[in-house]
């Protein structure tokens, strides 16, 4: 249970930092810069206008699920060895 709570809160901290306290240049962020088009179809970047990438959030969620599963496996395996 403790491993699940640790992994869940680690995920929430990552999601908060990756969506609020990062720039699109950071590798761990979930932000990307939105592009807008003018009347003459020129692409213009609007500074400080970011969106959250759903794909990055899903990949991050998968990574934290995998890490939590591995961590719980090692904890259970370690407890099992102590009992033997």
C-alpha atoms as a PDB file:
ATOM      1  CA  UNK A   1       0.000   0.000   0.000  1.00  0.00           C
ATOM      2  CA  UNK A   2       2.858   2.355   0.820  1.00  0.00           C
ATOM      3  CA  UNK A   3       4.465   1.763  -2.573  1.00  0.00           C
ATOM      4  CA  UNK A   4       1.191   2.650  -4.311  1.00  0.00           C
ATOM      5  CA  UNK A   5       0.813   5.875  -2.316  1.00  0.00           C
ATOM      6  CA  UNK A   6       4.460   6.839  -2.958  1.00  0.00           C
ATOM      7  CA  UNK A   7       4.128   6.191  -6.699  1.00  0.00           C
ATOM      8  CA  UNK A   8       0.798   8.005  -6.926  1.00  0.00           C
ATOM      9  CA  UNK A   9       2.057  11.125  -5.144  1.00  0.00           C
ATOM     10  CA  UNK A  10       5.270  11.071  -7.193  1.00  0.00           C
ATOM     11  CA  UNK A  11       3.121  11.008 -10.337  1.00  0.00           C
ATOM     12  CA  UNK A  12       1.007  13.916  -9.102  1.00  0.00           C
ATOM     13  CA  UNK A  13       4.111  15.964  -8.258  1.00  0.00           C
ATOM     14  CA  UNK A  14       5.593  15.245 -11.694  1.00  0.00           C
ATOM     15  CA  UNK A  15       2.340  16.171 -13.425  1.00  0.00           C
ATOM     16  CA  UNK A  16       2.065  19.427 -11.483  1.00  0.00           C
ATOM     17  CA  UNK A  17       5.671  20.428 -12.160  1.00  0.00           C
ATOM     18  CA  UNK A  18       5.574  19.296 -15.798  1.00  0.00           C
ATOM     19  CA  UNK A  19       2.444  21.283 -16.549  1.00  0.00           C
ATOM     20  CA  UNK A  20       2.941  24.395 -14.429  1.00  0.00           C
ATOM     21  CA  UNK A  21       6.621  24.973 -13.665  1.00  0.00           C
ATOM     22  CA  UNK A  22       8.376  24.024 -16.871  1.00  0.00           C
ATOM     23  CA  UNK A  23       9.013  25.355 -20.341  1.00  0.00           C
ATOM     24  CA  UNK A  24       8.451  23.519 -23.626  1.00  0.00           C
ATOM     25  CA  UNK A  25      12.252  23.155 -23.890  1.00  0.00           C
ATOM     26  CA  UNK A  26      12.452  20.908 -20.800  1.00  0.00           C
ATOM     27  CA  UNK A  27      12.560  17.192 -21.630  1.00  0.00           C
ATOM     28  CA  UNK A  28      10.161  16.237 -18.825  1.00  0.00           C
ATOM     29  CA  UNK A  29       7.477  18.788 -19.581  1.00  0.00           C
ATOM     30  CA  UNK A  30       4.030  18.067 -20.991  1.00  0.00           C
ATOM     31  CA  UNK A  31       3.716  21.508 -22.558  1.00  0.00           C
ATOM     32  CA  UNK A  32       3.872  22.431 -26.188  1.00  0.00           C
ATOM     33  CA  UNK A  33       3.516  25.799 -27.867  1.00  0.00           C
ATOM     34  CA  UNK A  34       0.276  26.355 -29.716  1.00  0.00           C
ATOM     35  CA  UNK A  35       0.530  27.717 -33.207  1.00  0.00           C
ATOM     36  CA  UNK A  36      -1.917  30.209 -34.587  1.00  0.00           C
ATOM     37  CA  UNK A  37      -2.551  31.190 -38.152  1.00  0.00           C
ATOM     38  CA  UNK A  38      -3.205  34.679 -39.370  1.00  0.00           C
ATOM     39  CA  UNK A  39      -5.534  35.648 -42.189  1.00  0.00           C
ATOM     40  CA  UNK A  40      -2.742  35.257 -44.749  1.00  0.00           C
ATOM     41  CA  UNK A  41      -1.855  31.776 -43.352  1.00  0.00           C
ATOM     42  CA  UNK A  42       1.408  32.802 -41.720  1.00  0.00           C
ATOM     43  CA  UNK A  43       2.283  30.712 -38.699  1.00  0.00           C
ATOM     44  CA  UNK A  44       2.896  32.855 -35.648  1.00  0.00           C
ATOM     45  CA  UNK A  45       3.946  31.630 -32.233  1.00  0.00           C
ATOM     46  CA  UNK A  46       2.208  33.266 -29.333  1.00  0.00           C
ATOM     47  CA  UNK A  47       4.649  33.563 -26.438  1.00  0.00           C
ATOM     48  CA  UNK A  48       3.515  32.002 -23.169  1.00  0.00           C
ATOM     49  CA  UNK A  49       0.524  30.308 -24.769  1.00  0.00           C
ATOM     50  CA  UNK A  50       0.975  26.631 -24.008  1.00  0.00           C
ATOM     51  CA  UNK A  51      -1.161  23.529 -24.110  1.00  0.00           C
ATOM     52  CA  UNK A  52      -0.786  20.167 -22.460  1.00  0.00           C
ATOM     53  CA  UNK A  53       0.127  17.243 -24.675  1.00  0.00           C
ATOM     54  CA  UNK A  54      -2.180  14.308 -23.960  1.00  0.00           C
ATOM     55  CA  UNK A  55       0.326  11.881 -25.480  1.00  0.00           C
ATOM     56  CA  UNK A  56       3.090  13.003 -23.078  1.00  0.00           C
ATOM     57  CA  UNK A  57       0.721  12.653 -20.117  1.00  0.00           C
ATOM     58  CA  UNK A  58      -0.219   9.107 -21.213  1.00  0.00           C
ATOM     59  CA  UNK A  59       3.448   8.149 -21.670  1.00  0.00           C
ATOM     60  CA  UNK A  60       4.311   9.607 -18.254  1.00  0.00           C
ATOM     61  CA  UNK A  61       1.412   7.738 -16.668  1.00  0.00           C
ATOM     62  CA  UNK A  62       2.645   4.489 -18.210  1.00  0.00           C
ATOM     63  CA  UNK A  63       6.157   5.099 -16.939  1.00  0.00           C
ATOM     64  CA  UNK A  64       4.937   5.720 -13.397  1.00  0.00           C
ATOM     65  CA  UNK A  65       2.714   2.623 -13.516  1.00  0.00           C
ATOM     66  CA  UNK A  66       5.698   0.565 -14.673  1.00  0.00           C
ATOM     67  CA  UNK A  67       7.973   2.015 -11.981  1.00  0.00           C
ATOM     68  CA  UNK A  68       5.338   1.440  -9.296  1.00  0.00           C
ATOM     69  CA  UNK A  69       4.852  -2.150 -10.413  1.00  0.00           C
ATOM     70  CA  UNK A  70       8.587  -2.841 -10.403  1.00  0.00           C
ATOM     71  CA  UNK A  71       9.036  -1.181  -7.021  1.00  0.00           C
ATOM     72  CA  UNK A  72       6.185  -3.172  -5.477  1.00  0.00           C
ATOM     73  CA  UNK A  73       7.587  -6.379  -6.984  1.00  0.00           C
ATOM     74  CA  UNK A  74      10.978  -5.738  -5.370  1.00  0.00           C
ATOM     75  CA  UNK A  75       9.409  -4.863  -2.013  1.00  0.00           C
ATOM     76  CA  UNK A  76       7.224  -8.001  -2.016  1.00  0.00           C
ATOM     77  CA  UNK A  77      10.162 -10.135  -3.145  1.00  0.00           C
ATOM     78  CA  UNK A  78      12.356  -8.705  -0.380  1.00  0.00           C
ATOM     79  CA  UNK A  79       9.692  -9.403   2.275  1.00  0.00           C
ATOM     80  CA  UNK A  80       9.289 -12.937   0.954  1.00  0.00           C
ATOM     81  CA  UNK A  81      13.026 -13.574   1.294  1.00  0.00           C
ATOM     82  CA  UNK A  82      12.968 -12.383   4.903  1.00  0.00           C
ATOM     83  CA  UNK A  83      10.180 -14.815   5.743  1.00  0.00           C
ATOM     84  CA  UNK A  84      12.047 -17.797   4.233  1.00  0.00           C
END
